[in-house]
């Protein structure tokens, strides 16, 4: 039995107090991309790039543990769009991030390697903590958010997202969560929700925290009761949490989806106002270079038809190029467009007359600080927000999982098992779970 097997068995048998006495393995399996393959997809369109070709399962050395850090035995992880970007080497290969980080300090130099262990979500058990860590110990069951900060300068001390050395763990740093062991900063750790399985508790991290800041936080849209919130991709990884936050916060979500099946998922969550953009046939672009304002107007009229004549107070944006012109148009006078991503393209175009003459605001929102992530995880732990896990893959199937997300052939979040040998393990509070099974399973089989 290997050291990793011993750790796995101790966790599965509930002997968490034994973790501190077990040796840390010298190596582990992780999902990687390779620096010598950054030209693998040269000449191909983004849609034709296949993550199954670029994502590998490698045995990699366990990194040195530094001050303020923790090694975590990963029971489960999840796929985010940043793993898709990493796997297709867009918009730039992530090795550029690792090289830049590696120049920061001798400790950061560990991250500058010819391979990149990816993944920005995890649930698992703390194996070891570095010097100066007081709030966590070996054997603690945890999830991790993906904000990596240094906080040596003043800029991040009001909002850590503004730290000059802010990075996304597993995307702009190495040793990510799609692996059997991960290296995190201790201030990324949060308690694992006791009523969820390993795979369920791993799924919310990145997208739940991102949606919380973008929609609820004062750093984002600062949503209030009664706000009409237009949510693009409302059944997807981000949108499914935005829909839940809108409903929980007394707002009125208008859910934009692309199929009747996705519309039904939104109804399961409790949403009533739904636009199937495929059925309605919206084409916001006449060509690659010209948008169609008449389609913006038709879209805005549909929203007002659903809301009884009201325009959105908030537009929850993340598709980017394809939808941004329509989003700026659709927001009410004095309304807010808050954006956290650009999955359909980074170069946004919109008619600025609708922005400046109507006193609208565009807010950029990127992930979340520790406090926002903690609050978002607390809501999961209390059963007020639920994971949106639809399907789980093995570590060996990570390439296929990433391909599904790349092609939008998924609903909600896609999970990946690491040291957990099967689904359904890790539940500690069966009573709370029983109260929320419908919500927890809303996306299952979708």
Protein backbone atom coordinates (compact mmCIF):
# COMPACT_ATOMS: atom_id res chain seq x y z
CA UNK A 1 0.00 0.00 0.00
CA UNK A 2 1.42 3.37 -1.03
CA UNK A 3 1.44 6.48 1.17
CA UNK A 4 -1.36 7.91 -0.95
CA UNK A 5 -3.39 4.73 -0.47
CA UNK A 6 -2.93 5.04 3.29
CA UNK A 7 -4.17 8.63 3.20
CA UNK A 8 -7.16 7.68 1.07
CA UNK A 9 -8.13 4.82 3.38
CA UNK A 10 -7.79 6.97 6.49
CA UNK A 11 -10.15 9.56 4.97
CA UNK A 12 -12.66 6.98 3.76
CA UNK A 13 -12.67 5.27 7.17
CA UNK A 14 -13.10 8.54 9.08
CA UNK A 15 -9.71 8.34 10.79
CA UNK A 16 -8.92 12.00 10.18
CA UNK A 17 -6.92 12.29 13.40
CA UNK A 18 -4.39 9.87 11.87
CA UNK A 19 -3.63 12.11 8.87
CA UNK A 20 -0.89 14.06 10.65
CA UNK A 21 1.02 10.84 11.35
CA UNK A 22 0.92 9.51 7.79
CA UNK A 23 3.83 10.30 5.46
CA UNK A 24 3.22 12.79 2.66
CA UNK A 25 3.78 11.07 -0.71
CA UNK A 26 6.77 12.17 -2.75
CA UNK A 27 4.62 12.33 -5.86
CA UNK A 28 1.00 12.24 -6.99
CA UNK A 29 -1.11 12.11 -10.14
CA UNK A 30 -2.24 15.42 -11.62
CA UNK A 31 -3.92 16.68 -14.76
CA UNK A 32 -1.34 18.68 -16.70
CA UNK A 33 -0.61 20.61 -19.84
CA UNK A 34 2.93 20.55 -21.23
CA UNK A 35 5.02 23.56 -22.22
CA UNK A 36 6.39 21.77 -25.29
CA UNK A 37 2.85 21.40 -26.68
CA UNK A 38 1.72 25.04 -26.73
CA UNK A 39 1.68 24.94 -30.55
CA UNK A 40 -0.36 21.73 -30.61
CA UNK A 41 -3.46 23.41 -32.06
CA UNK A 42 -1.76 25.94 -34.32
CA UNK A 43 -3.97 26.86 -37.27
CA UNK A 44 -7.19 25.51 -35.73
CA UNK A 45 -10.23 27.56 -34.79
CA UNK A 46 -10.96 27.64 -31.05
CA UNK A 47 -14.03 25.45 -31.46
CA UNK A 48 -11.94 22.74 -33.13
CA UNK A 49 -9.32 22.49 -30.37
CA UNK A 50 -9.76 19.28 -28.37
CA UNK A 51 -8.73 19.31 -24.67
CA UNK A 52 -8.45 15.51 -24.75
CA UNK A 53 -5.24 15.94 -26.77
CA UNK A 54 -3.59 18.46 -24.47
CA UNK A 55 -4.65 17.38 -20.97
CA UNK A 56 -2.46 14.60 -19.57
CA UNK A 57 -2.38 12.52 -16.40
CA UNK A 58 1.17 12.69 -15.06
CA UNK A 59 2.93 11.57 -11.92
CA UNK A 60 4.43 14.80 -10.56
CA UNK A 61 6.64 15.58 -7.53
CA UNK A 62 4.88 16.90 -4.44
CA UNK A 63 5.87 20.58 -4.11
CA UNK A 64 7.77 21.97 -1.15
CA UNK A 65 5.42 23.41 1.47
CA UNK A 66 6.07 27.08 2.21
CA UNK A 67 5.00 29.45 5.00
CA UNK A 68 1.28 30.22 5.05
CA UNK A 69 0.49 27.28 2.75
CA UNK A 70 -1.24 23.93 2.97
CA UNK A 71 -1.07 20.62 1.16
CA UNK A 72 -4.51 19.09 0.62
CA UNK A 73 -5.47 15.54 -0.27
CA UNK A 74 -7.98 16.17 -3.05
CA UNK A 75 -11.09 14.01 -2.95
CA UNK A 76 -12.86 15.78 -5.83
CA UNK A 77 -12.55 18.77 -8.13
CA UNK A 78 -14.52 20.37 -10.97
CA UNK A 79 -14.14 21.85 -14.43
CA UNK A 80 -14.20 25.60 -14.97
CA UNK A 81 -13.83 27.51 -18.21
CA UNK A 82 -10.32 28.56 -17.20
CA UNK A 83 -9.27 24.91 -17.51
CA UNK A 84 -10.70 24.92 -21.03
CA UNK A 85 -8.69 28.05 -21.84
CA UNK A 86 -5.58 26.44 -20.38
CA UNK A 87 -6.10 23.26 -22.38
CA UNK A 88 -6.45 25.07 -25.73
CA UNK A 89 -3.66 27.55 -24.89
CA UNK A 90 -5.89 30.61 -25.25
CA UNK A 91 -5.81 33.55 -25.03
CA UNK A 92 -2.15 32.87 -24.18
CA UNK A 93 -0.43 29.75 -22.86
CA UNK A 94 -0.57 29.71 -19.05
CA UNK A 95 3.17 29.04 -18.91
CA UNK A 96 3.58 32.80 -19.37
CA UNK A 97 1.71 33.27 -16.10
CA UNK A 98 3.91 30.69 -14.37
CA UNK A 99 7.13 32.25 -15.66
CA UNK A 100 6.06 35.69 -14.44
CA UNK A 101 5.04 34.33 -11.05
CA UNK A 102 8.29 32.40 -10.76
CA UNK A 103 10.28 35.65 -10.92
CA UNK A 104 8.53 37.04 -7.84
CA UNK A 105 10.48 35.14 -5.19
CA UNK A 106 12.50 31.96 -4.60
CA UNK A 107 9.34 30.34 -3.19
CA UNK A 108 7.25 31.35 -6.22
CA UNK A 109 9.95 29.86 -8.47
CA UNK A 110 8.45 26.42 -7.63
CA UNK A 111 5.52 27.22 -9.95
CA UNK A 112 7.66 27.82 -13.05
CA UNK A 113 7.82 24.30 -14.46
CA UNK A 114 7.58 22.68 -17.91
CA UNK A 115 4.20 21.28 -16.87
CA UNK A 116 1.17 22.94 -15.33
CA UNK A 117 -1.09 21.06 -12.90
CA UNK A 118 -4.47 22.68 -13.55
CA UNK A 119 -7.79 23.09 -11.75
CA UNK A 120 -9.33 25.85 -9.61
CA UNK A 121 -11.73 23.88 -7.38
CA UNK A 122 -11.29 21.20 -4.74
CA UNK A 123 -12.78 19.46 -1.75
CA UNK A 124 -10.53 17.37 0.42
CA UNK A 125 -8.56 16.99 3.64
CA UNK A 126 -5.63 19.05 4.89
CA UNK A 127 -2.44 16.96 4.94
CA UNK A 128 0.10 19.50 6.20
CA UNK A 129 0.29 23.20 6.95
CA UNK A 130 3.29 25.48 6.66
CA UNK A 131 4.82 27.83 9.18
CA UNK A 132 2.50 30.54 10.44
CA UNK A 133 -0.76 28.66 9.76
CA UNK A 134 -2.99 28.60 12.85
CA UNK A 135 -6.59 28.20 11.65
CA UNK A 136 -6.18 24.83 9.92
CA UNK A 137 -4.60 21.52 10.84
CA UNK A 138 -4.08 18.08 9.26
CA UNK A 139 -7.36 16.17 9.10
CA UNK A 140 -9.60 19.21 8.53
CA UNK A 141 -12.20 18.68 5.79
CA UNK A 142 -12.07 21.68 3.49
CA UNK A 143 -12.95 23.27 0.21
CA UNK A 144 -10.75 25.89 -1.44
CA UNK A 145 -11.50 29.11 -3.25
CA UNK A 146 -9.13 30.07 -6.04
CA UNK A 147 -7.84 33.53 -5.04
CA UNK A 148 -4.06 33.58 -4.64
CA UNK A 149 -2.65 36.82 -3.21
CA UNK A 150 0.63 38.03 -1.71
CA UNK A 151 -0.64 41.19 0.08
CA UNK A 152 2.82 42.68 0.49
CA UNK A 153 1.72 46.00 -1.03
CA UNK A 154 -1.05 48.36 0.12
CA UNK A 155 -3.41 47.96 -2.83
CA UNK A 156 -5.03 44.71 -1.74
CA UNK A 157 -5.75 45.60 1.85
CA UNK A 158 -9.15 47.16 1.17
CA UNK A 159 -10.22 44.50 -1.33
CA UNK A 160 -7.80 41.61 -1.84
CA UNK A 161 -8.91 41.30 -5.47
CA UNK A 162 -7.00 44.55 -6.04
CA UNK A 163 -3.70 43.12 -4.80
CA UNK A 164 -1.02 43.77 -7.40
CA UNK A 165 -0.02 40.11 -7.17
CA UNK A 166 -3.55 38.67 -7.37
CA UNK A 167 -3.73 35.40 -9.29
CA UNK A 168 -6.19 32.59 -9.88
CA UNK A 169 -4.93 29.34 -8.36
CA UNK A 170 -4.66 26.47 -10.83
CA UNK A 171 -4.80 28.87 -13.77
CA UNK A 172 -2.17 31.52 -13.07
CA UNK A 173 -0.39 29.33 -10.50
CA UNK A 174 0.70 25.71 -10.55
CA UNK A 175 -0.32 22.71 -8.37
CA UNK A 176 -4.07 23.07 -8.97
CA UNK A 177 -7.03 21.00 -7.83
CA UNK A 178 -7.43 18.52 -10.70
CA UNK A 179 -5.03 16.19 -8.94
CA UNK A 180 -4.64 13.86 -5.97
CA UNK A 181 -2.77 16.52 -3.97
CA UNK A 182 -2.91 20.30 -4.28
CA UNK A 183 -0.88 23.19 -2.89
CA UNK A 184 -2.89 26.21 -1.70
CA UNK A 185 -2.42 29.21 0.52
CA UNK A 186 -4.06 28.68 3.89
CA UNK A 187 -6.27 31.73 3.30
CA UNK A 188 -7.89 29.88 0.41
CA UNK A 189 -9.37 27.26 2.73
CA UNK A 190 -12.97 27.11 3.94
CA UNK A 191 -14.96 24.43 5.80
CA UNK A 192 -16.45 21.68 3.66
CA UNK A 193 -20.30 21.79 3.78
CA UNK A 194 -21.16 18.81 5.96
CA UNK A 195 -24.34 17.78 4.13
CA UNK A 196 -22.68 17.44 0.72
CA UNK A 197 -20.61 14.72 -0.90
CA UNK A 198 -17.04 15.35 -1.94
CA UNK A 199 -17.99 15.97 -5.57
CA UNK A 200 -20.95 18.20 -4.66
CA UNK A 201 -18.89 20.34 -2.29
CA UNK A 202 -16.09 20.73 -4.86
CA UNK A 203 -18.42 22.03 -7.57
CA UNK A 204 -19.55 25.46 -6.30
CA UNK A 205 -16.20 27.07 -5.40
CA UNK A 206 -15.14 29.24 -8.31
CA UNK A 207 -18.52 29.93 -9.91
CA UNK A 208 -20.46 30.38 -6.67
CA UNK A 209 -18.00 32.93 -5.31
CA UNK A 210 -17.81 34.70 -8.67
CA UNK A 211 -21.60 34.98 -8.90
CA UNK A 212 -21.82 36.21 -5.29
CA UNK A 213 -19.39 39.09 -5.84
CA UNK A 214 -20.76 39.92 -9.27
CA UNK A 215 -24.39 40.11 -8.22
CA UNK A 216 -24.70 40.43 -4.41
CA UNK A 217 -21.56 42.14 -3.15
CA UNK A 218 -21.11 45.92 -2.91
CA UNK A 219 -18.04 45.32 -5.08
CA UNK A 220 -20.38 44.12 -7.82
CA UNK A 221 -23.97 45.01 -8.67
CA UNK A 222 -25.14 45.30 -5.02
CA UNK A 223 -28.47 43.65 -5.86
CA UNK A 224 -31.51 44.57 -3.78
CA UNK A 225 -35.02 43.20 -3.36
CA UNK A 226 -37.24 43.78 -6.38
CA UNK A 227 -34.41 44.28 -8.87
CA UNK A 228 -35.06 42.85 -12.33
CA UNK A 229 -31.92 40.83 -13.13
CA UNK A 230 -31.23 39.65 -16.68
CA UNK A 231 -29.09 36.50 -16.46
CA UNK A 232 -27.34 35.17 -19.55
CA UNK A 233 -26.74 31.41 -19.55
CA UNK A 234 -29.01 31.08 -16.54
CA UNK A 235 -28.71 27.29 -16.31
CA UNK A 236 -24.92 27.24 -16.74
CA UNK A 237 -22.06 27.12 -14.27
CA UNK A 238 -22.22 30.83 -13.38
CA UNK A 239 -25.80 31.60 -14.31
CA UNK A 240 -27.29 28.84 -12.18
CA UNK A 241 -25.84 30.48 -9.07
CA UNK A 242 -26.89 33.95 -10.21
CA UNK A 243 -30.43 32.63 -10.62
CA UNK A 244 -30.39 31.22 -7.08
CA UNK A 245 -28.99 34.45 -5.61
CA UNK A 246 -31.60 36.54 -7.41
CA UNK A 247 -34.42 34.35 -6.13
CA UNK A 248 -33.02 34.18 -2.57
CA UNK A 249 -32.47 37.93 -2.48
CA UNK A 250 -36.00 38.88 -3.49
CA UNK A 251 -35.01 39.95 -7.00
CA UNK A 252 -36.78 39.01 -10.24
CA UNK A 253 -34.55 36.94 -12.53
CA UNK A 254 -35.10 36.96 -16.28
CA UNK A 255 -33.31 33.79 -17.36
CA UNK A 256 -31.82 33.59 -20.85
CA UNK A 257 -31.19 30.01 -22.01
CA UNK A 258 -30.67 28.18 -25.30
CA UNK A 259 -33.00 25.17 -25.13
CA UNK A 260 -36.25 23.93 -23.58
CA UNK A 261 -34.23 21.57 -21.37
CA UNK A 262 -32.25 24.49 -19.93
CA UNK A 263 -35.46 26.44 -19.45
CA UNK A 264 -36.86 23.56 -17.42
CA UNK A 265 -33.81 23.60 -15.14
CA UNK A 266 -34.43 27.29 -14.41
CA UNK A 267 -38.04 26.49 -13.55
CA UNK A 268 -36.79 23.80 -11.15
CA UNK A 269 -34.78 26.49 -9.40
CA UNK A 270 -37.93 28.59 -9.06
CA UNK A 271 -37.55 31.07 -11.93
CA UNK A 272 -40.65 32.04 -13.88
CA UNK A 273 -39.46 34.56 -16.51
CA UNK A 274 -37.46 32.68 -19.14
CA UNK A 275 -36.27 33.52 -22.65
CA UNK A 276 -35.20 30.67 -24.95
CA UNK A 277 -32.93 32.64 -27.24
CA UNK A 278 -32.71 29.78 -29.75
CA UNK A 279 -36.48 29.47 -30.05
CA UNK A 280 -36.79 33.25 -30.39
CA UNK A 281 -34.08 33.25 -33.06
CA UNK A 282 -32.11 36.27 -31.85
CA UNK A 283 -29.20 37.17 -34.12
CA UNK A 284 -27.43 40.13 -32.57
CA UNK A 285 -24.75 40.17 -35.27
CA UNK A 286 -25.48 40.68 -39.00
CA UNK A 287 -21.91 39.70 -39.81
CA UNK A 288 -18.54 39.33 -38.10
CA UNK A 289 -18.20 43.12 -37.98
CA UNK A 290 -21.74 44.55 -37.73
CA UNK A 291 -24.38 44.19 -35.03
CA UNK A 292 -28.14 44.49 -35.55
CA UNK A 293 -29.77 47.09 -33.26
CA UNK A 294 -33.22 45.94 -34.36
CA UNK A 295 -32.49 42.61 -32.67
CA UNK A 296 -31.50 44.45 -29.49
CA UNK A 297 -34.85 46.21 -29.64
CA UNK A 298 -36.74 42.96 -30.23
CA UNK A 299 -34.89 41.41 -27.29
CA UNK A 300 -35.67 44.39 -25.05
CA UNK A 301 -39.34 44.18 -26.02
CA UNK A 302 -39.40 40.51 -25.01
CA UNK A 303 -37.98 41.36 -21.59
CA UNK A 304 -40.61 44.05 -21.06
CA UNK A 305 -43.32 41.63 -22.16
CA UNK A 306 -42.24 39.22 -19.40
CA UNK A 307 -41.72 41.83 -16.67
CA UNK A 308 -44.83 43.92 -17.26
CA UNK A 309 -42.95 46.75 -18.93
CA UNK A 310 -39.78 46.91 -16.81
CA UNK A 311 -36.21 46.89 -18.09
CA UNK A 312 -33.44 45.11 -16.16
CA UNK A 313 -31.90 46.92 -13.21
CA UNK A 314 -28.92 44.57 -13.52
CA UNK A 315 -27.54 42.58 -16.45
CA UNK A 316 -25.44 39.59 -15.35
CA UNK A 317 -22.92 39.40 -18.21
CA UNK A 318 -20.35 36.75 -19.02
CA UNK A 319 -20.73 35.66 -22.70
CA UNK A 320 -19.01 38.88 -23.82
CA UNK A 321 -18.72 39.78 -27.49
CA UNK A 322 -21.84 37.99 -28.72
CA UNK A 323 -24.24 39.56 -26.23
CA UNK A 324 -22.64 42.72 -24.85
CA UNK A 325 -24.27 45.16 -27.29
CA UNK A 326 -27.68 43.74 -26.40
CA UNK A 327 -26.86 43.90 -22.68
CA UNK A 328 -25.94 47.59 -22.76
CA UNK A 329 -29.09 48.34 -24.73
CA UNK A 330 -31.40 46.27 -22.50
CA UNK A 331 -30.37 47.66 -19.10
CA UNK A 332 -32.76 50.27 -17.73
CA UNK A 333 -31.86 53.94 -17.45
CA UNK A 334 -29.39 54.15 -14.58
CA UNK A 335 -28.97 50.38 -14.68
CA UNK A 336 -25.87 48.25 -14.27
CA UNK A 337 -24.13 45.82 -16.59
CA UNK A 338 -21.74 43.70 -14.52
CA UNK A 339 -19.32 41.46 -16.40
CA UNK A 340 -16.94 38.75 -15.20
CA UNK A 341 -15.94 36.93 -18.38
CA UNK A 342 -16.00 36.84 -22.18
CA UNK A 343 -16.53 33.25 -23.22
CA UNK A 344 -17.66 34.24 -26.74
CA UNK A 345 -14.89 36.79 -27.28
CA UNK A 346 -13.02 39.58 -25.45
CA UNK A 347 -13.48 42.48 -27.88
CA UNK A 348 -16.84 43.95 -26.89
CA UNK A 349 -18.77 46.41 -29.03
CA UNK A 350 -21.78 48.43 -27.96
CA UNK A 351 -23.53 51.69 -28.85
CA UNK A 352 -22.21 54.15 -26.29
CA UNK A 353 -25.23 56.44 -26.70
CA UNK A 354 -27.30 53.93 -24.75
CA UNK A 355 -24.69 53.96 -21.99
CA UNK A 356 -23.83 57.62 -21.53
CA UNK A 357 -27.16 59.22 -22.32
CA UNK A 358 -29.00 56.81 -20.03
CA UNK A 359 -26.48 56.99 -17.18
CA UNK A 360 -25.81 53.25 -17.18
CA UNK A 361 -22.74 51.68 -15.57
CA UNK A 362 -20.45 48.85 -16.64
CA UNK A 363 -18.74 47.11 -13.71
CA UNK A 364 -15.90 44.65 -14.09
CA UNK A 365 -16.04 41.80 -11.58
CA UNK A 366 -13.33 39.16 -11.24
CA UNK A 367 -13.75 36.15 -8.93
CA UNK A 368 -14.13 37.21 -5.25
CA UNK A 369 -12.13 38.11 -2.18
CA UNK A 370 -11.80 35.76 0.80
CA UNK A 371 -14.69 37.35 2.69
CA UNK A 372 -17.02 37.10 -0.30
CA UNK A 373 -15.95 33.51 -0.96
CA UNK A 374 -16.49 32.65 2.72
CA UNK A 375 -20.00 34.15 2.67
CA UNK A 376 -20.85 32.28 -0.54
CA UNK A 377 -19.60 29.00 0.96
CA UNK A 378 -21.52 29.70 4.19
CA UNK A 379 -24.75 29.91 2.19
CA UNK A 380 -23.93 26.54 0.61
CA UNK A 381 -23.22 25.06 4.06
CA UNK A 382 -26.57 26.29 5.39
CA UNK A 383 -28.49 24.80 2.47
CA UNK A 384 -29.61 28.22 1.20
CA UNK A 385 -27.69 27.88 -2.09
CA UNK A 386 -27.21 24.48 -3.70
CA UNK A 387 -24.51 22.95 -5.89
CA UNK A 388 -25.42 22.63 -9.55
CA UNK A 389 -23.53 19.42 -10.27
CA UNK A 390 -24.94 17.56 -13.28
CA UNK A 391 -22.30 14.91 -14.02
CA UNK A 392 -19.07 13.55 -12.54
CA UNK A 393 -16.03 12.12 -14.32
CA UNK A 394 -12.95 10.27 -13.15
CA UNK A 395 -9.56 11.99 -13.12
CA UNK A 396 -8.63 9.98 -16.21
CA UNK A 397 -11.66 11.42 -18.02
CA UNK A 398 -10.80 15.06 -17.35
CA UNK A 399 -10.08 15.69 -21.03
CA UNK A 400 -13.59 14.60 -21.98
CA UNK A 401 -15.08 16.66 -19.15
CA UNK A 402 -13.22 19.76 -20.40
CA UNK A 403 -14.37 19.05 -23.97
CA UNK A 404 -17.99 18.92 -22.80
CA UNK A 405 -17.61 22.34 -21.17
CA UNK A 406 -15.76 23.69 -24.23
CA UNK A 407 -18.66 22.64 -26.47
CA UNK A 408 -21.32 23.73 -23.96
CA UNK A 409 -22.60 20.14 -23.93
CA UNK A 410 -23.21 20.28 -20.19
CA UNK A 411 -25.51 21.82 -17.62
CA UNK A 412 -24.46 23.52 -14.39
CA UNK A 413 -21.10 22.20 -13.22
CA UNK A 414 -19.13 19.12 -14.22
CA UNK A 415 -17.29 17.35 -11.39
CA UNK A 416 -14.13 15.24 -11.34
CA UNK A 417 -13.30 12.56 -8.74
CA UNK A 418 -9.71 12.47 -7.50
CA UNK A 419 -9.05 10.34 -4.38
CA UNK A 420 -12.75 9.66 -3.86
CA UNK A 421 -13.21 6.20 -5.42
CA UNK A 422 -16.89 6.77 -6.22
CA UNK A 423 -19.67 9.30 -5.94
CA UNK A 424 -21.81 9.75 -2.85
CA UNK A 425 -19.08 9.78 -0.18
CA UNK A 426 -18.22 12.39 2.43
CA UNK A 427 -21.65 13.32 3.80
CA UNK A 428 -21.50 14.17 7.53
CA UNK A 429 -24.93 15.74 8.11
CA UNK A 430 -27.62 13.44 6.74
CA UNK A 431 -30.44 15.36 8.44
CA UNK A 432 -29.66 18.63 6.69
CA UNK A 433 -29.09 16.79 3.42
CA UNK A 434 -32.52 15.17 3.58
CA UNK A 435 -34.14 18.61 3.79
CA UNK A 436 -32.51 19.78 0.57
CA UNK A 437 -32.25 16.73 -1.68
CA UNK A 438 -34.43 18.21 -4.40
CA UNK A 439 -32.27 21.32 -4.59
CA UNK A 440 -29.00 19.37 -4.43
CA UNK A 441 -30.13 17.06 -7.25
CA UNK A 442 -31.79 19.70 -9.44
CA UNK A 443 -29.15 19.39 -12.16
CA UNK A 444 -28.48 15.66 -11.91
CA UNK A 445 -28.94 13.88 -15.22
CA UNK A 446 -29.55 17.15 -17.04
